[in-house]
Amino acid sequence: MGYFNFILIFTASMMFCFILIRMGSKYLLEKLELNANPRYEELRRFISPEKLLMTRIFSALITGCCMFLLQLAFGVEQMKIAVPVACGFGLAAYFFVYWLYQQKRIKRQEAFEAKILDFTMGLSNGLRSGLALGQSIESVANRIDGPMREELNTLLREYRLGVDLPEAFVRMYKRIPCEDLHLLVTTISLTTKSGGSLSEVLEEMVVTIRARTEFQERLKNMTAQGRFEAISIALSPAVAFLLLYFIDPVLMTPLVTTGTGWLAVAGAVALVSTGYYILKKIITIEV
């Protein structure tokens, strides 16, 4: 009966916190001006700033509570350690949610960048065959897939609503900032104003983008071992802990049954995460 009452109280508390966070998220967005924050704005395609803030706070609360209850379940009685450890894991969850959505944005941008060469080639071929710029874009949008198709359809909708094509391209670049797209947008804008042959300029761009893409692929293959080593180093402490726990449970049990042990676990997680972040920065080469 005691466990049932505990679960009931815990569930009611989570529901109350959810309602409180939902009501307070709009106020926080307006008070802290997070709606205008570029970091939140760039994720709007995946989730609204209000929902993102609410998800981050609720995830932090749930993680912190679960870690606190987990420590109690293992018999930890040192509240002066258990509470900070739970808060630390909750804070980590708060930032982890944002990191997850950032990874979604990065993967979408990478998928978009992978299609820029095909888009430029299709645009050049369409112009050489006598199509207007808008018709060439529509022709490519009907054949291409992924994020590139979504962005081209958005561009075409803006164009049909009266936005000039160069301006529509600039808006697309603001949504997905990448070097190849910036080069393409600048080329289209300058060539449109000067009245030059856009198809010939795009053909030269195809050569440049193809060479850049091939170099990026070679660079990615060269750094593949470094990325694997970074992941291996990040996972090795957890694997070592599990192996030692099964080999000698008496030796490893204090790590999960004492406040000092949990503090050591939290410190290890923080150090491993920092090390992985630094290694990833080292092996990531911007081109």
Protein backbone atom coordinates (compact mmCIF):
# COMPACT_ATOMS: atom_id res chain seq x y z
CA MET A 1 0.00 0.00 0.00
CA GLY A 2 2.91 2.29 0.78
CA TYR A 3 4.36 1.85 -2.71
CA PHE A 4 0.97 2.55 -4.28
CA ASN A 5 0.62 5.80 -2.32
CA PHE A 6 4.15 6.79 -3.27
CA ILE A 7 3.52 6.18 -6.99
CA LEU A 8 0.23 8.08 -6.79
CA ILE A 9 1.86 11.07 -5.09
CA PHE A 10 4.77 11.01 -7.54
CA THR A 11 2.44 10.90 -10.57
CA ALA A 12 0.28 13.73 -9.21
CA SER A 13 3.40 15.80 -8.53
CA MET A 14 4.67 15.28 -12.09
CA MET A 15 1.29 16.28 -13.53
CA PHE A 16 1.24 19.41 -11.38
CA CYS A 17 4.79 20.29 -12.46
CA PHE A 18 3.86 19.70 -16.11
CA ILE A 19 0.92 22.11 -15.86
CA LEU A 20 3.06 24.65 -14.02
CA ILE A 21 5.84 24.43 -16.62
CA ARG A 22 3.33 24.71 -19.47
CA MET A 23 1.82 27.84 -17.95
CA GLY A 24 5.19 29.39 -17.14
CA SER A 25 6.94 28.63 -20.44
CA LYS A 26 5.20 31.45 -22.32
CA TYR A 27 6.07 33.89 -19.56
CA LEU A 28 9.72 32.79 -19.59
CA LEU A 29 9.91 33.08 -23.37
CA GLU A 30 8.62 36.65 -23.24
CA LYS A 31 10.57 37.64 -20.13
CA LEU A 32 13.89 36.21 -21.31
CA GLU A 33 13.18 37.12 -24.98
CA LEU A 34 13.96 33.53 -26.05
CA ASN A 35 11.67 33.82 -29.07
CA ALA A 36 14.25 36.16 -30.60
CA ASN A 37 17.18 33.94 -29.56
CA PRO A 38 18.90 32.66 -32.76
CA ARG A 39 19.64 29.31 -31.09
CA TYR A 40 15.92 28.71 -30.53
CA GLU A 41 14.90 30.24 -33.86
CA GLU A 42 17.05 27.85 -35.92
CA LEU A 43 15.20 24.88 -34.37
CA ARG A 44 11.71 26.25 -35.07
CA ARG A 45 11.30 23.85 -38.02
CA PHE A 46 11.45 20.90 -35.60
CA ILE A 47 9.84 22.35 -32.48
CA SER A 48 8.48 25.70 -31.33
CA PRO A 49 10.56 27.69 -28.80
CA GLU A 50 7.80 27.29 -26.21
CA LYS A 51 7.67 23.50 -26.56
CA LEU A 52 11.46 23.26 -26.61
CA LEU A 53 11.78 25.21 -23.37
CA MET A 54 8.99 23.17 -21.78
CA THR A 55 10.59 19.89 -22.91
CA ARG A 56 13.99 20.92 -21.56
CA ILE A 57 12.62 21.92 -18.15
CA PHE A 58 10.38 18.86 -17.82
CA SER A 59 13.20 16.51 -18.90
CA ALA A 60 15.50 18.06 -16.33
CA LEU A 61 12.83 17.67 -13.63
CA ILE A 62 12.06 14.05 -14.51
CA THR A 63 15.74 13.08 -14.74
CA GLY A 64 16.60 14.78 -11.47
CA CYS A 65 13.70 13.12 -9.63
CA CYS A 66 14.49 9.69 -11.09
CA MET A 67 18.17 9.95 -10.14
CA PHE A 68 17.22 11.03 -6.62
CA LEU A 69 14.81 8.09 -6.25
CA LEU A 70 17.41 5.73 -7.71
CA GLN A 71 19.91 6.80 -5.08
CA LEU A 72 17.32 6.25 -2.35
CA ALA A 73 16.54 2.81 -3.78
CA PHE A 74 20.24 1.89 -3.49
CA GLY A 75 20.27 3.00 0.13
CA VAL A 76 22.02 6.36 -0.17
CA GLU A 77 21.27 8.39 2.97
CA GLN A 78 23.62 11.37 2.50
CA MET A 79 21.12 13.98 1.30
CA LYS A 80 23.79 16.67 1.03
CA ILE A 81 25.33 14.57 -1.75
CA ALA A 82 22.24 12.88 -3.20
CA VAL A 83 20.46 16.17 -3.92
CA PRO A 84 23.38 17.90 -5.76
CA VAL A 85 24.01 14.71 -7.79
CA ALA A 86 20.34 14.57 -8.81
CA CYS A 87 20.41 18.27 -9.71
CA GLY A 88 23.57 17.71 -11.74
CA PHE A 89 21.95 14.95 -13.80
CA GLY A 90 18.85 17.10 -14.23
CA LEU A 91 20.96 19.99 -15.52
CA ALA A 92 22.70 17.60 -17.91
CA ALA A 93 19.30 16.47 -19.23
CA TYR A 94 18.29 20.11 -19.75
CA PHE A 95 21.23 20.67 -22.11
CA PHE A 96 21.01 17.17 -23.62
CA VAL A 97 17.52 17.85 -25.04
CA TYR A 98 18.80 20.94 -26.83
CA TRP A 99 21.79 18.94 -28.12
CA LEU A 100 19.46 16.29 -29.56
CA TYR A 101 17.48 18.86 -31.54
CA GLN A 102 20.72 20.46 -32.68
CA GLN A 103 21.83 17.07 -34.03
CA LYS A 104 18.55 16.81 -35.95
CA ARG A 105 19.17 20.25 -37.44
CA ILE A 106 22.76 19.36 -38.36
CA LYS A 107 21.72 16.10 -40.04
CA ARG A 108 19.06 17.93 -42.03
CA GLN A 109 21.58 20.55 -43.12
CA GLU A 110 24.06 17.84 -44.14
CA ALA A 111 21.35 16.13 -46.21
CA PHE A 112 20.59 19.50 -47.81
CA GLU A 113 24.25 20.19 -48.59
CA ALA A 114 24.60 16.75 -50.19
CA LYS A 115 22.00 17.79 -52.81
CA ILE A 116 23.41 21.23 -53.68
CA LEU A 117 25.55 19.78 -56.48
CA ASP A 118 22.53 18.02 -58.03
CA PHE A 119 20.47 21.19 -57.69
CA THR A 120 23.11 23.37 -59.35
CA MET A 121 23.53 20.88 -62.22
CA GLY A 122 19.76 20.64 -62.71
CA LEU A 123 19.43 24.42 -62.64
CA SER A 124 22.20 24.82 -65.23
CA ASN A 125 20.71 22.16 -67.53
CA GLY A 126 17.25 23.75 -67.28
CA LEU A 127 18.57 27.19 -68.20
CA ARG A 128 20.55 25.78 -71.13
CA SER A 129 17.42 24.07 -72.44
CA GLY A 130 15.61 27.43 -72.58
CA LEU A 131 13.64 27.40 -69.33
CA ALA A 132 13.31 30.49 -67.18
CA LEU A 133 14.96 30.51 -63.75
CA GLY A 134 11.67 29.90 -61.93
CA GLN A 135 10.74 27.05 -64.27
CA SER A 136 14.17 25.47 -63.84
CA ILE A 137 13.81 25.57 -60.06
CA GLU A 138 10.36 23.98 -60.27
CA SER A 139 11.68 21.28 -62.60
CA VAL A 140 14.49 20.41 -60.17
CA ALA A 141 12.12 20.49 -57.18
CA ASN A 142 9.92 17.85 -58.84
CA ARG A 143 12.87 15.46 -59.30
CA ILE A 144 14.89 15.98 -56.12
CA ASP A 145 14.05 14.67 -52.64
CA GLY A 146 14.80 15.29 -48.97
CA PRO A 147 15.29 18.68 -47.29
CA MET A 148 16.33 20.24 -50.60
CA ARG A 149 12.87 19.57 -52.03
CA GLU A 150 11.21 21.07 -48.94
CA GLU A 151 13.31 24.22 -49.18
CA LEU A 152 12.75 24.60 -52.93
CA ASN A 153 9.00 24.24 -52.48
CA THR A 154 9.15 26.94 -49.78
CA LEU A 155 11.16 29.15 -52.16
CA LEU A 156 8.64 28.62 -54.96
CA ARG A 157 5.71 29.46 -52.67
CA GLU A 158 7.39 32.73 -51.72
CA TYR A 159 8.09 33.44 -55.41
CA ARG A 160 4.43 32.89 -56.33
CA LEU A 161 3.44 35.28 -53.54
CA GLY A 162 5.50 38.04 -55.16
CA VAL A 163 8.96 37.69 -53.61
CA ASP A 164 11.83 38.17 -56.09
CA LEU A 165 13.86 35.00 -56.72
CA PRO A 166 17.16 36.50 -55.47
CA GLU A 167 15.42 37.56 -52.24
CA ALA A 168 13.79 34.12 -51.93
CA PHE A 169 17.23 32.53 -52.24
CA VAL A 170 18.59 34.85 -49.54
CA ARG A 171 15.76 33.75 -47.23
CA MET A 172 16.59 30.11 -47.94
CA TYR A 173 20.23 30.77 -47.04
CA LYS A 174 19.13 32.33 -43.73
CA ARG A 175 17.17 29.14 -42.97
CA ILE A 176 20.08 26.86 -43.93
CA PRO A 177 23.41 28.72 -43.82
CA CYS A 178 26.12 26.82 -45.70
CA GLU A 179 29.05 27.92 -47.86
CA ASP A 180 27.98 26.32 -51.14
CA LEU A 181 24.49 27.79 -50.87
CA HIS A 182 25.96 31.21 -50.06
CA LEU A 183 28.09 30.99 -53.20
CA LEU A 184 25.05 29.98 -55.25
CA VAL A 185 22.86 32.75 -53.83
CA THR A 186 25.55 35.38 -54.46
CA THR A 187 26.06 34.13 -58.02
CA ILE A 188 22.36 34.20 -58.86
CA SER A 189 21.91 37.66 -57.33
CA LEU A 190 24.89 39.24 -59.11
CA THR A 191 24.23 37.55 -62.46
CA THR A 192 20.55 38.53 -62.37
CA LYS A 193 21.45 42.16 -61.74
CA SER A 194 24.26 42.32 -64.32
CA GLY A 195 22.37 40.41 -67.01
CA GLY A 196 25.11 37.82 -67.60
CA SER A 197 24.71 34.21 -68.72
CA LEU A 198 23.62 32.42 -65.57
CA SER A 199 23.85 28.94 -67.16
CA GLU A 200 27.55 29.39 -67.97
CA VAL A 201 28.33 30.69 -64.49
CA LEU A 202 26.45 27.76 -62.94
CA GLU A 203 28.47 25.31 -65.03
CA GLU A 204 31.65 26.74 -63.54
CA MET A 205 30.07 26.51 -60.10
CA VAL A 206 29.31 22.82 -60.66
CA VAL A 207 33.03 22.17 -61.15
CA THR A 208 33.88 24.11 -57.97
CA ILE A 209 31.21 22.42 -55.84
CA ARG A 210 32.11 18.95 -57.17
CA ALA A 211 35.80 19.47 -56.26
CA ARG A 212 34.80 20.74 -52.82
CA THR A 213 32.47 17.76 -52.26
CA GLU A 214 35.15 15.25 -53.27
CA PHE A 215 37.64 16.90 -50.90
CA GLN A 216 35.10 16.77 -48.04
CA GLU A 217 34.52 13.05 -48.67
CA ARG A 218 38.26 12.34 -48.57
CA LEU A 219 38.56 14.37 -45.38
CA LYS A 220 35.64 12.49 -43.81
CA ASN A 221 37.28 9.15 -44.61
CA MET A 222 40.59 10.35 -43.15
CA THR A 223 38.95 11.35 -39.84
CA ALA A 224 36.73 8.24 -39.57
CA GLN A 225 39.24 6.49 -37.29
CA GLY A 226 39.38 9.53 -35.01
CA ARG A 227 35.59 9.60 -34.67
CA PHE A 228 35.54 5.88 -33.84
CA GLU A 229 38.26 6.35 -31.22
CA ALA A 230 36.34 9.24 -29.62
CA ILE A 231 33.21 7.09 -29.29
CA SER A 232 35.24 4.16 -27.94
CA ILE A 233 36.92 6.34 -25.33
CA ALA A 234 33.55 7.78 -24.25
CA LEU A 235 31.98 4.33 -23.84
CA SER A 236 34.97 2.56 -22.24
CA PRO A 237 34.32 3.75 -18.62
CA ALA A 238 30.73 2.43 -18.70
CA VAL A 239 31.87 -0.90 -20.18
CA ALA A 240 34.67 -1.15 -17.60
CA PHE A 241 32.23 -0.46 -14.75
CA LEU A 242 29.81 -3.20 -15.93
CA LEU A 243 32.60 -5.74 -16.35
CA LEU A 244 34.08 -5.01 -12.92
CA TYR A 245 30.61 -5.08 -11.35
CA PHE A 246 30.00 -8.62 -12.64
CA ILE A 247 33.54 -9.74 -11.78
CA ASP A 248 33.64 -8.30 -8.25
CA PRO A 249 30.27 -6.84 -7.12
CA VAL A 250 31.56 -6.19 -3.58
CA LEU A 251 34.24 -3.85 -4.94
CA MET A 252 31.88 -1.83 -7.17
CA THR A 253 28.76 -1.76 -4.95
CA PRO A 254 29.87 1.32 -2.95
CA LEU A 255 29.71 3.35 -6.17
CA VAL A 256 25.90 3.01 -6.21
CA THR A 257 25.12 2.59 -2.51
CA THR A 258 26.95 5.60 -1.05
CA GLY A 259 26.69 9.31 -1.67
CA THR A 260 30.42 9.56 -2.30
CA GLY A 261 30.14 6.81 -4.93
CA TRP A 262 27.35 8.63 -6.76
CA LEU A 263 29.39 11.82 -6.60
CA ALA A 264 32.27 9.94 -8.23
CA VAL A 265 29.91 8.58 -10.92
CA ALA A 266 28.60 12.09 -11.66
CA GLY A 267 32.16 13.43 -11.88
CA ALA A 268 33.16 10.60 -14.22
CA VAL A 269 30.19 11.26 -16.50
CA ALA A 270 31.03 14.98 -16.61
CA LEU A 271 34.71 14.33 -17.39
CA VAL A 272 33.96 11.74 -20.09
CA SER A 273 31.39 14.05 -21.71
CA THR A 274 33.88 16.93 -21.69
CA GLY A 275 36.60 14.72 -23.13
CA TYR A 276 34.32 13.47 -25.90
CA TYR A 277 33.33 17.04 -26.77
CA ILE A 278 36.98 18.14 -26.95
CA LEU A 279 37.98 15.13 -29.08
CA LYS A 280 35.10 15.75 -31.45
CA LYS A 281 36.14 19.38 -31.83
CA ILE A 282 39.72 18.33 -32.56
CA ILE A 283 38.80 15.86 -35.32
CA THR A 284 36.17 18.15 -36.87
CA ILE A 285 37.78 20.17 -39.65
CA GLU A 286 35.78 22.97 -41.22
CA VAL A 287 36.23 23.32 -44.99
